Amino acid sequence: MHFKTKSDRWFDGINYLLLSVVGLCMVFPLLYIFSVSFSTMQDFIQKDIVLWPSHWDLGAYKYIFDTPVFGRAMLVSACLTVVITLFNLLMTSMMAFATVHSFVGSKLILRMIIFTLLFSPGLIPSYLMVRNLHLIDTYWALILPGAISTFNLIVIRQFFQNLPKEIFEASKIDGAHELQMFTKLVLPLSKPALAAFALFYAVDAWNAYFNVILYINDTTKWTIQVVLRQIVIVSPPDNNLIASLLKDPPPAQTVQMAAVLVATLPVLVIYPFLQKHFAKGVMLGSVKG
């Protein structure tokens, strides 16, 4: 039986203290956002910092959901997140599987892929490429340019290399071609890794706003993050930036915090279901054997 020394107990105590402080620093903003979103003007008058509302009010949530722009932006973001996640995951896994096998020019392709990780083309060339392809004001401008993440590709490729080679040799003897091996062997065996990177792609797609501002001029095609930026930073909700305002809007701060909470909620809900795959998938892709 292992007995902890005094220095070990001190070390554990300091670790617990530091982790508790970090945890409180992460929980406090969420608690503040949650409390303010349900607060009334009376709470702001009585308290400098609202950590728990004295009078619960759903006016801010009624306000944002009665605004057509907000609901449409949520739907656009949800659909784009699903499409981008599936498309990026398919493209990345297919490219990773292709580069695992040796063929004419495979090493050159892999070096070109690594080169894109080290050197980015820049903002202006990317915009010119999207414009010349006539993708401005289309959702394809948000899907195609980031179809493959170089870093994710390298990690998934490493994961594929760690798969037993015997199963591929046996499948070739049975007459399976590369597409059958990819769909019936590689994908089922790679579910933990694919789930982890699906989370990466989904969070990036849900939080993306710069590309939307850059490529989408039609406000009806805005995602929730751009609308959230307009509400919180560019203009408070008591101005006429967003259409269809209520006759008696709640305090601007409550509307801002309610919008932030609603925009954050999908990621907070989905993450616990993918957490076990997240840890397992990343570790499997980084350990040899």
C-alpha atoms as a PDB file:
ATOM      1  CA  MET A   1       0.000   0.000   0.000  1.00  0.00           C
ATOM      2  CA  HIS A   2       1.348   3.381  -0.989  1.00  0.00           C
ATOM      3  CA  PHE A   3       1.386   6.082   1.689  1.00  0.00           C
ATOM      4  CA  LYS A   4       1.635   9.685   0.599  1.00  0.00           C
ATOM      5  CA  THR A   5       4.407  11.764   2.079  1.00  0.00           C
ATOM      6  CA  LYS A   6       3.918  15.249   3.411  1.00  0.00           C
ATOM      7  CA  SER A   7       5.304  16.759   0.216  1.00  0.00           C
ATOM      8  CA  ASP A   8       2.870  14.659  -1.843  1.00  0.00           C
ATOM      9  CA  ARG A   9      -0.062  15.899   0.226  1.00  0.00           C
ATOM     10  CA  TRP A  10       1.088  19.494  -0.203  1.00  0.00           C
ATOM     11  CA  PHE A  11       1.453  18.948  -3.936  1.00  0.00           C
ATOM     12  CA  ASP A  12      -2.056  17.465  -4.199  1.00  0.00           C
ATOM     13  CA  GLY A  13      -3.513  20.268  -2.103  1.00  0.00           C
ATOM     14  CA  ILE A  14      -1.950  22.971  -4.287  1.00  0.00           C
ATOM     15  CA  ASN A  15      -3.178  21.174  -7.425  1.00  0.00           C
ATOM     16  CA  TYR A  16      -6.726  20.950  -6.071  1.00  0.00           C
ATOM     17  CA  LEU A  17      -6.618  24.626  -5.110  1.00  0.00           C
ATOM     18  CA  LEU A  18      -5.368  25.750  -8.516  1.00  0.00           C
ATOM     19  CA  LEU A  19      -7.903  23.579 -10.347  1.00  0.00           C
ATOM     20  CA  SER A  20     -10.689  24.930  -8.135  1.00  0.00           C
ATOM     21  CA  VAL A  21      -9.677  28.513  -8.910  1.00  0.00           C
ATOM     22  CA  VAL A  22      -9.532  27.749 -12.645  1.00  0.00           C
ATOM     23  CA  GLY A  23     -12.924  26.030 -12.433  1.00  0.00           C
ATOM     24  CA  LEU A  24     -14.472  29.025 -10.674  1.00  0.00           C
ATOM     25  CA  CYS A  25     -12.999  31.364 -13.285  1.00  0.00           C
ATOM     26  CA  MET A  26     -14.686  29.297 -15.981  1.00  0.00           C
ATOM     27  CA  VAL A  27     -18.021  28.902 -14.182  1.00  0.00           C
ATOM     28  CA  PHE A  28     -18.366  32.541 -13.100  1.00  0.00           C
ATOM     29  CA  PRO A  29     -18.910  33.998 -16.614  1.00  0.00           C
ATOM     30  CA  LEU A  30     -21.547  31.352 -17.365  1.00  0.00           C
ATOM     31  CA  LEU A  31     -23.305  32.045 -14.072  1.00  0.00           C
ATOM     32  CA  TYR A  32     -23.211  35.790 -14.743  1.00  0.00           C
ATOM     33  CA  ILE A  33     -24.587  35.363 -18.281  1.00  0.00           C
ATOM     34  CA  PHE A  34     -27.315  33.031 -17.016  1.00  0.00           C
ATOM     35  CA  SER A  35     -28.337  35.381 -14.192  1.00  0.00           C
ATOM     36  CA  VAL A  36     -28.366  38.560 -16.269  1.00  0.00           C
ATOM     37  CA  SER A  37     -30.417  36.936 -19.022  1.00  0.00           C
ATOM     38  CA  PHE A  38     -33.262  36.312 -16.537  1.00  0.00           C
ATOM     39  CA  SER A  39     -32.949  39.670 -14.732  1.00  0.00           C
ATOM     40  CA  THR A  40     -35.190  42.725 -14.844  1.00  0.00           C
ATOM     41  CA  MET A  41     -34.373  46.418 -14.881  1.00  0.00           C
ATOM     42  CA  GLN A  42     -35.030  46.507 -11.135  1.00  0.00           C
ATOM     43  CA  ASP A  43     -32.155  44.057 -10.571  1.00  0.00           C
ATOM     44  CA  PHE A  44     -29.761  46.350 -12.450  1.00  0.00           C
ATOM     45  CA  ILE A  45     -30.873  49.319 -10.361  1.00  0.00           C
ATOM     46  CA  GLN A  46     -30.473  47.484  -7.043  1.00  0.00           C
ATOM     47  CA  LYS A  47     -27.240  45.574  -7.763  1.00  0.00           C
ATOM     48  CA  ASP A  48     -23.925  46.480  -9.355  1.00  0.00           C
ATOM     49  CA  ILE A  49     -23.262  42.848 -10.348  1.00  0.00           C
ATOM     50  CA  VAL A  50     -26.168  40.473 -10.822  1.00  0.00           C
ATOM     51  CA  LEU A  51     -25.099  36.987  -9.727  1.00  0.00           C
ATOM     52  CA  TRP A  52     -28.644  35.759  -9.068  1.00  0.00           C
ATOM     53  CA  PRO A  53     -31.801  37.573 -10.179  1.00  0.00           C
ATOM     54  CA  SER A  54     -34.245  38.717  -7.513  1.00  0.00           C
ATOM     55  CA  HIS A  55     -37.087  38.733 -10.024  1.00  0.00           C
ATOM     56  CA  TRP A  56     -37.051  36.094 -12.763  1.00  0.00           C
ATOM     57  CA  ASP A  57     -38.130  37.343 -16.152  1.00  0.00           C
ATOM     58  CA  LEU A  58     -38.314  35.572 -19.543  1.00  0.00           C
ATOM     59  CA  GLY A  59     -38.719  38.818 -21.470  1.00  0.00           C
ATOM     60  CA  ALA A  60     -35.255  38.664 -23.046  1.00  0.00           C
ATOM     61  CA  TYR A  61     -35.824  35.161 -24.407  1.00  0.00           C
ATOM     62  CA  LYS A  62     -39.275  36.096 -25.696  1.00  0.00           C
ATOM     63  CA  TYR A  63     -37.683  39.098 -27.354  1.00  0.00           C
ATOM     64  CA  ILE A  64     -34.982  37.194 -29.245  1.00  0.00           C
ATOM     65  CA  PHE A  65     -37.237  34.309 -30.301  1.00  0.00           C
ATOM     66  CA  ASP A  66     -39.903  36.725 -31.517  1.00  0.00           C
ATOM     67  CA  THR A  67     -37.247  38.318 -33.726  1.00  0.00           C
ATOM     68  CA  PRO A  68     -37.294  36.502 -37.103  1.00  0.00           C
ATOM     69  CA  VAL A  69     -33.624  37.252 -37.741  1.00  0.00           C
ATOM     70  CA  PHE A  70     -32.473  35.346 -34.651  1.00  0.00           C
ATOM     71  CA  GLY A  71     -34.497  32.220 -35.347  1.00  0.00           C
ATOM     72  CA  ARG A  72     -33.447  32.157 -38.986  1.00  0.00           C
ATOM     73  CA  ALA A  73     -29.783  32.576 -38.002  1.00  0.00           C
ATOM     74  CA  MET A  74     -30.049  29.657 -35.557  1.00  0.00           C
ATOM     75  CA  LEU A  75     -31.503  27.453 -38.298  1.00  0.00           C
ATOM     76  CA  VAL A  76     -28.812  28.517 -40.792  1.00  0.00           C
ATOM     77  CA  SER A  77     -26.049  27.817 -38.264  1.00  0.00           C
ATOM     78  CA  ALA A  78     -27.479  24.420 -37.346  1.00  0.00           C
ATOM     79  CA  CYS A  79     -27.801  23.304 -40.979  1.00  0.00           C
ATOM     80  CA  LEU A  80     -24.362  24.646 -41.906  1.00  0.00           C
ATOM     81  CA  THR A  81     -22.755  22.960 -38.900  1.00  0.00           C
ATOM     82  CA  VAL A  82     -24.182  19.569 -39.851  1.00  0.00           C
ATOM     83  CA  VAL A  83     -23.234  19.915 -43.530  1.00  0.00           C
ATOM     84  CA  ILE A  84     -19.750  21.304 -42.873  1.00  0.00           C
ATOM     85  CA  THR A  85     -18.978  18.681 -40.224  1.00  0.00           C
ATOM     86  CA  LEU A  86     -20.018  15.741 -42.404  1.00  0.00           C
ATOM     87  CA  PHE A  87     -18.374  17.150 -45.535  1.00  0.00           C
ATOM     88  CA  ASN A  88     -15.094  18.043 -43.818  1.00  0.00           C
ATOM     89  CA  LEU A  89     -14.944  14.717 -42.017  1.00  0.00           C
ATOM     90  CA  LEU A  90     -15.545  12.824 -45.263  1.00  0.00           C
ATOM     91  CA  MET A  91     -12.942  14.810 -47.215  1.00  0.00           C
ATOM     92  CA  THR A  92     -10.345  14.612 -44.431  1.00  0.00           C
ATOM     93  CA  SER A  93     -10.748  10.873 -43.825  1.00  0.00           C
ATOM     94  CA  MET A  94     -10.686  10.073 -47.550  1.00  0.00           C
ATOM     95  CA  MET A  95      -7.544  12.140 -48.074  1.00  0.00           C
ATOM     96  CA  ALA A  96      -5.888  10.593 -45.017  1.00  0.00           C
ATOM     97  CA  PHE A  97      -6.686   7.088 -46.219  1.00  0.00           C
ATOM     98  CA  ALA A  98      -5.358   7.877 -49.693  1.00  0.00           C
ATOM     99  CA  THR A  99      -2.032   9.195 -48.399  1.00  0.00           C
ATOM    100  CA  VAL A 100      -1.505   6.105 -46.226  1.00  0.00           C
ATOM    101  CA  HIS A 101      -1.050   3.976 -49.358  1.00  0.00           C
ATOM    102  CA  SER A 102       1.981   4.377 -51.595  1.00  0.00           C
ATOM    103  CA  PHE A 103       1.291   5.383 -55.188  1.00  0.00           C
ATOM    104  CA  VAL A 104       2.948   7.536 -57.829  1.00  0.00           C
ATOM    105  CA  GLY A 105       3.243  11.051 -56.421  1.00  0.00           C
ATOM    106  CA  SER A 106       1.984  10.161 -52.929  1.00  0.00           C
ATOM    107  CA  LYS A 107       5.060  11.589 -51.174  1.00  0.00           C
ATOM    108  CA  LEU A 108       4.835  14.809 -53.188  1.00  0.00           C
ATOM    109  CA  ILE A 109       1.161  15.207 -52.289  1.00  0.00           C
ATOM    110  CA  LEU A 110       1.919  14.640 -48.611  1.00  0.00           C
ATOM    111  CA  ARG A 111       4.695  17.243 -48.686  1.00  0.00           C
ATOM    112  CA  MET A 112       2.355  19.737 -50.355  1.00  0.00           C
ATOM    113  CA  ILE A 113      -0.200  19.087 -47.617  1.00  0.00           C
ATOM    114  CA  ILE A 114       2.380  19.724 -44.888  1.00  0.00           C
ATOM    115  CA  PHE A 115       3.491  22.861 -46.748  1.00  0.00           C
ATOM    116  CA  THR A 116      -0.043  24.302 -46.410  1.00  0.00           C
ATOM    117  CA  LEU A 117       0.209  23.751 -42.654  1.00  0.00           C
ATOM    118  CA  LEU A 118       3.339  25.909 -42.475  1.00  0.00           C
ATOM    119  CA  PHE A 119       2.430  28.601 -45.018  1.00  0.00           C
ATOM    120  CA  SER A 120      -1.046  30.061 -45.444  1.00  0.00           C
ATOM    121  CA  PRO A 121      -2.015  31.733 -48.750  1.00  0.00           C
ATOM    122  CA  GLY A 122      -3.358  34.755 -46.886  1.00  0.00           C
ATOM    123  CA  LEU A 123      -6.648  36.589 -46.744  1.00  0.00           C
ATOM    124  CA  ILE A 124      -6.569  38.447 -50.073  1.00  0.00           C
ATOM    125  CA  PRO A 125      -5.702  35.425 -52.288  1.00  0.00           C
ATOM    126  CA  SER A 126      -8.379  33.387 -50.513  1.00  0.00           C
ATOM    127  CA  TYR A 127     -10.983  36.071 -51.115  1.00  0.00           C
ATOM    128  CA  LEU A 128      -9.983  36.455 -54.761  1.00  0.00           C
ATOM    129  CA  MET A 129     -10.225  32.707 -55.271  1.00  0.00           C
ATOM    130  CA  VAL A 130     -13.722  32.594 -53.763  1.00  0.00           C
ATOM    131  CA  ARG A 131     -14.807  35.595 -55.821  1.00  0.00           C
ATOM    132  CA  ASN A 132     -13.404  34.186 -59.086  1.00  0.00           C
ATOM    133  CA  LEU A 133     -15.260  30.937 -58.433  1.00  0.00           C
ATOM    134  CA  HIS A 134     -18.472  33.012 -58.071  1.00  0.00           C
ATOM    135  CA  LEU A 135     -19.075  31.742 -54.555  1.00  0.00           C
ATOM    136  CA  ILE A 136     -19.686  35.134 -52.921  1.00  0.00           C
ATOM    137  CA  ASP A 137     -23.049  35.209 -51.149  1.00  0.00           C
ATOM    138  CA  THR A 138     -23.361  31.426 -51.320  1.00  0.00           C
ATOM    139  CA  TYR A 139     -22.973  28.884 -48.561  1.00  0.00           C
ATOM    140  CA  TRP A 140     -20.347  27.075 -50.641  1.00  0.00           C
ATOM    141  CA  ALA A 141     -17.962  29.903 -49.736  1.00  0.00           C
ATOM    142  CA  LEU A 142     -18.200  28.685 -46.136  1.00  0.00           C
ATOM    143  CA  ILE A 143     -17.955  24.973 -46.980  1.00  0.00           C
ATOM    144  CA  LEU A 144     -15.345  24.464 -49.701  1.00  0.00           C
ATOM    145  CA  PRO A 145     -12.322  26.612 -48.620  1.00  0.00           C
ATOM    146  CA  GLY A 146     -11.971  24.803 -45.289  1.00  0.00           C
ATOM    147  CA  ALA A 147     -12.973  21.333 -46.462  1.00  0.00           C
ATOM    148  CA  ILE A 148      -9.754  19.767 -45.130  1.00  0.00           C
ATOM    149  CA  SER A 149      -7.861  20.796 -42.010  1.00  0.00           C
ATOM    150  CA  THR A 150      -4.188  19.939 -42.486  1.00  0.00           C
ATOM    151  CA  PHE A 151      -3.567  19.286 -38.800  1.00  0.00           C
ATOM    152  CA  ASN A 152      -6.615  17.026 -38.497  1.00  0.00           C
ATOM    153  CA  LEU A 153      -5.574  15.238 -41.680  1.00  0.00           C
ATOM    154  CA  ILE A 154      -2.123  14.429 -40.305  1.00  0.00           C
ATOM    155  CA  VAL A 155      -3.515  13.096 -37.021  1.00  0.00           C
ATOM    156  CA  ILE A 156      -6.195  10.971 -38.701  1.00  0.00           C
ATOM    157  CA  ARG A 157      -3.591   9.667 -41.145  1.00  0.00           C
ATOM    158  CA  GLN A 158      -1.434   8.608 -38.208  1.00  0.00           C
ATOM    159  CA  PHE A 159      -4.439   6.843 -36.719  1.00  0.00           C
ATOM    160  CA  PHE A 160      -5.059   4.978 -39.977  1.00  0.00           C
ATOM    161  CA  GLN A 161      -1.402   3.916 -40.087  1.00  0.00           C
ATOM    162  CA  ASN A 162      -1.779   2.333 -36.644  1.00  0.00           C
ATOM    163  CA  LEU A 163      -4.579   0.049 -37.819  1.00  0.00           C
ATOM    164  CA  PRO A 164      -3.492  -3.608 -38.223  1.00  0.00           C
ATOM    165  CA  LYS A 165      -2.156  -4.191 -41.715  1.00  0.00           C
ATOM    166  CA  GLU A 166      -3.306  -7.812 -41.614  1.00  0.00           C
ATOM    167  CA  ILE A 167      -6.948  -6.825 -42.025  1.00  0.00           C
ATOM    168  CA  PHE A 168      -6.143  -4.929 -45.214  1.00  0.00           C
ATOM    169  CA  GLU A 169      -4.133  -7.844 -46.593  1.00  0.00           C
ATOM    170  CA  ALA A 170      -6.971 -10.238 -45.781  1.00  0.00           C
ATOM    171  CA  SER A 171      -9.516  -7.950 -47.432  1.00  0.00           C
ATOM    172  CA  LYS A 172      -7.375  -7.738 -50.576  1.00  0.00           C
ATOM    173  CA  ILE A 173      -7.226 -11.537 -50.714  1.00  0.00           C
ATOM    174  CA  ASP A 174     -11.034 -11.566 -50.491  1.00  0.00           C
ATOM    175  CA  GLY A 175     -11.150  -9.215 -53.484  1.00  0.00           C
ATOM    176  CA  ALA A 176     -12.021  -5.954 -51.743  1.00  0.00           C
ATOM    177  CA  HIS A 177     -10.958  -2.747 -53.437  1.00  0.00           C
ATOM    178  CA  GLU A 178      -9.865   0.489 -51.741  1.00  0.00           C
ATOM    179  CA  LEU A 179     -13.347   2.000 -51.498  1.00  0.00           C
ATOM    180  CA  GLN A 180     -14.709  -1.137 -49.833  1.00  0.00           C
ATOM    181  CA  MET A 181     -11.793  -1.214 -47.394  1.00  0.00           C
ATOM    182  CA  PHE A 182     -12.394   2.439 -46.571  1.00  0.00           C
ATOM    183  CA  THR A 183     -16.142   2.133 -45.996  1.00  0.00           C
ATOM    184  CA  LYS A 184     -16.303  -1.350 -44.415  1.00  0.00           C
ATOM    185  CA  LEU A 185     -13.023  -1.519 -42.489  1.00  0.00           C
ATOM    186  CA  VAL A 186     -11.437   1.853 -41.869  1.00  0.00           C
ATOM    187  CA  LEU A 187     -14.510   3.906 -40.978  1.00  0.00           C
ATOM    188  CA  PRO A 188     -16.016   1.370 -38.512  1.00  0.00           C
ATOM    189  CA  LEU A 189     -12.646   0.921 -36.785  1.00  0.00           C
ATOM    190  CA  SER A 190     -12.065   4.675 -36.598  1.00  0.00           C
ATOM    191  CA  LYS A 191     -15.276   5.760 -34.872  1.00  0.00           C
ATOM    192  CA  PRO A 192     -13.543   7.168 -31.739  1.00  0.00           C
ATOM    193  CA  ALA A 193     -11.107   9.261 -33.779  1.00  0.00           C
ATOM    194  CA  LEU A 194     -13.795  10.415 -36.214  1.00  0.00           C
ATOM    195  CA  ALA A 195     -16.089  11.373 -33.324  1.00  0.00           C
ATOM    196  CA  ALA A 196     -13.316  13.478 -31.789  1.00  0.00           C
ATOM    197  CA  PHE A 197     -12.606  15.351 -35.002  1.00  0.00           C
ATOM    198  CA  ALA A 198     -16.301  15.676 -35.741  1.00  0.00           C
ATOM    199  CA  LEU A 199     -16.481  17.648 -32.499  1.00  0.00           C
ATOM    200  CA  PHE A 200     -13.564  19.827 -33.645  1.00  0.00           C
ATOM    201  CA  TYR A 201     -15.188  20.543 -36.990  1.00  0.00           C
ATOM    202  CA  ALA A 202     -18.636  21.115 -35.476  1.00  0.00           C
ATOM    203  CA  VAL A 203     -17.401  23.619 -32.883  1.00  0.00           C
ATOM    204  CA  ASP A 204     -15.383  25.494 -35.516  1.00  0.00           C
ATOM    205  CA  ALA A 205     -18.367  25.594 -37.877  1.00  0.00           C
ATOM    206  CA  TRP A 206     -20.761  26.748 -35.159  1.00  0.00           C
ATOM    207  CA  ASN A 207     -18.429  29.490 -33.905  1.00  0.00           C
ATOM    208  CA  ALA A 208     -17.340  30.740 -37.348  1.00  0.00           C
ATOM    209  CA  TYR A 209     -18.204  34.351 -38.052  1.00  0.00           C
ATOM    210  CA  PHE A 210     -15.254  35.972 -39.876  1.00  0.00           C
ATOM    211  CA  ASN A 211     -15.753  34.039 -43.121  1.00  0.00           C
ATOM    212  CA  VAL A 212     -19.466  34.825 -42.969  1.00  0.00           C
ATOM    213  CA  ILE A 213     -18.717  38.539 -42.675  1.00  0.00           C
ATOM    214  CA  LEU A 214     -16.162  38.242 -45.476  1.00  0.00           C
ATOM    215  CA  TYR A 215     -18.121  36.228 -48.024  1.00  0.00           C
ATOM    216  CA  ILE A 216     -21.822  36.672 -47.167  1.00  0.00           C
ATOM    217  CA  ASN A 217     -23.355  40.072 -47.924  1.00  0.00           C
ATOM    218  CA  ASP A 218     -26.978  38.927 -47.744  1.00  0.00           C
ATOM    219  CA  THR A 219     -28.157  39.413 -44.143  1.00  0.00           C
ATOM    220  CA  THR A 220     -30.780  36.665 -44.547  1.00  0.00           C
ATOM    221  CA  LYS A 221     -27.910  34.172 -44.850  1.00  0.00           C
ATOM    222  CA  TRP A 222     -26.107  35.282 -41.688  1.00  0.00           C
ATOM    223  CA  THR A 223     -25.254  32.687 -39.057  1.00  0.00           C
ATOM    224  CA  ILE A 224     -26.038  33.032 -35.378  1.00  0.00           C
ATOM    225  CA  GLN A 225     -22.522  34.193 -34.515  1.00  0.00           C
ATOM    226  CA  VAL A 226     -22.733  37.170 -36.866  1.00  0.00           C
ATOM    227  CA  VAL A 227     -26.158  38.123 -35.519  1.00  0.00           C
ATOM    228  CA  LEU A 228     -24.770  37.709 -32.001  1.00  0.00           C
ATOM    229  CA  ARG A 229     -21.884  40.009 -32.903  1.00  0.00           C
ATOM    230  CA  GLN A 230     -24.361  42.610 -34.128  1.00  0.00           C
ATOM    231  CA  ILE A 231     -26.381  42.369 -30.918  1.00  0.00           C
ATOM    232  CA  VAL A 232     -23.495  42.425 -28.435  1.00  0.00           C
ATOM    233  CA  ILE A 233     -20.781  44.529 -30.102  1.00  0.00           C
ATOM    234  CA  VAL A 234     -21.943  46.490 -33.103  1.00  0.00           C
ATOM    235  CA  SER A 235     -25.302  47.749 -31.883  1.00  0.00           C
ATOM    236  CA  PRO A 236     -27.413  47.109 -28.770  1.00  0.00           C
ATOM    237  CA  PRO A 237     -30.806  45.543 -29.365  1.00  0.00           C
ATOM    238  CA  ASP A 238     -32.731  48.717 -28.541  1.00  0.00           C
ATOM    239  CA  ASN A 239     -31.566  50.191 -31.883  1.00  0.00           C
ATOM    240  CA  ASN A 240     -33.202  49.342 -35.206  1.00  0.00           C
ATOM    241  CA  LEU A 241     -30.438  47.106 -36.511  1.00  0.00           C
ATOM    242  CA  ILE A 242     -32.465  43.925 -36.168  1.00  0.00           C
ATOM    243  CA  ALA A 243     -35.890  43.822 -37.727  1.00  0.00           C
ATOM    244  CA  SER A 244     -39.154  43.012 -35.958  1.00  0.00           C
ATOM    245  CA  LEU A 245     -38.591  44.501 -32.513  1.00  0.00           C
ATOM    246  CA  LEU A 246     -41.139  44.199 -29.735  1.00  0.00           C
ATOM    247  CA  LYS A 247     -43.102  47.243 -28.598  1.00  0.00           C
ATOM    248  CA  ASP A 248     -41.695  47.070 -25.067  1.00  0.00           C
ATOM    249  CA  PRO A 249     -38.185  45.565 -25.303  1.00  0.00           C
ATOM    250  CA  PRO A 250     -36.417  44.326 -22.145  1.00  0.00           C
ATOM    251  CA  PRO A 251     -33.111  45.849 -20.974  1.00  0.00           C
ATOM    252  CA  ALA A 252     -30.389  45.645 -23.604  1.00  0.00           C
ATOM    253  CA  GLN A 253     -28.021  43.765 -21.271  1.00  0.00           C
ATOM    254  CA  THR A 254     -30.517  40.955 -20.690  1.00  0.00           C
ATOM    255  CA  VAL A 255     -31.111  40.548 -24.422  1.00  0.00           C
ATOM    256  CA  GLN A 256     -27.358  40.399 -25.079  1.00  0.00           C
ATOM    257  CA  MET A 257     -26.770  37.761 -22.408  1.00  0.00           C
ATOM    258  CA  ALA A 258     -29.800  35.715 -23.477  1.00  0.00           C
ATOM    259  CA  ALA A 259     -28.494  35.702 -27.046  1.00  0.00           C
ATOM    260  CA  VAL A 260     -25.036  34.618 -25.860  1.00  0.00           C
ATOM    261  CA  LEU A 261     -26.504  31.804 -23.739  1.00  0.00           C
ATOM    262  CA  VAL A 262     -28.747  30.506 -26.517  1.00  0.00           C
ATOM    263  CA  ALA A 263     -25.849  30.579 -29.013  1.00  0.00           C
ATOM    264  CA  THR A 264     -23.591  28.700 -26.564  1.00  0.00           C
ATOM    265  CA  LEU A 265     -26.152  26.117 -25.452  1.00  0.00           C
ATOM    266  CA  PRO A 266     -25.899  23.681 -28.441  1.00  0.00           C
ATOM    267  CA  VAL A 267     -22.174  23.114 -27.909  1.00  0.00           C
ATOM    268  CA  LEU A 268     -22.652  22.677 -24.149  1.00  0.00           C
ATOM    269  CA  VAL A 269     -25.382  20.099 -24.779  1.00  0.00           C
ATOM    270  CA  ILE A 270     -23.531  18.079 -27.439  1.00  0.00           C
ATOM    271  CA  TYR A 271     -20.079  17.996 -25.828  1.00  0.00           C
ATOM    272  CA  PRO A 272     -20.884  15.613 -22.900  1.00  0.00           C
ATOM    273  CA  PHE A 273     -22.112  12.949 -25.331  1.00  0.00           C
ATOM    274  CA  LEU A 274     -18.867  13.073 -27.335  1.00  0.00           C
ATOM    275  CA  GLN A 275     -16.466  13.570 -24.421  1.00  0.00           C
ATOM    276  CA  LYS A 276     -15.485   9.890 -24.065  1.00  0.00           C
ATOM    277  CA  HIS A 277     -14.866   9.612 -27.810  1.00  0.00           C
ATOM    278  CA  PHE A 278     -12.956  12.903 -27.713  1.00  0.00           C
ATOM    279  CA  ALA A 279     -10.343  11.697 -25.207  1.00  0.00           C
ATOM    280  CA  LYS A 280     -10.101   8.175 -26.615  1.00  0.00           C
ATOM    281  CA  GLY A 281      -9.868   9.283 -30.250  1.00  0.00           C
ATOM    282  CA  VAL A 282      -7.121  11.827 -29.719  1.00  0.00           C
ATOM    283  CA  MET A 283      -5.010   9.392 -27.670  1.00  0.00           C
ATOM    284  CA  LEU A 284      -5.414   6.581 -30.173  1.00  0.00           C
ATOM    285  CA  GLY A 285      -4.231   8.824 -32.953  1.00  0.00           C
ATOM    286  CA  SER A 286      -1.105   9.832 -31.071  1.00  0.00           C
ATOM    287  CA  VAL A 287       0.193   6.496 -29.712  1.00  0.00           C
ATOM    288  CA  LYS A 288       2.007   3.968 -31.875  1.00  0.00           C
ATOM    289  CA  GLY A 289       0.952   0.341 -31.565  1.00  0.00           C
END
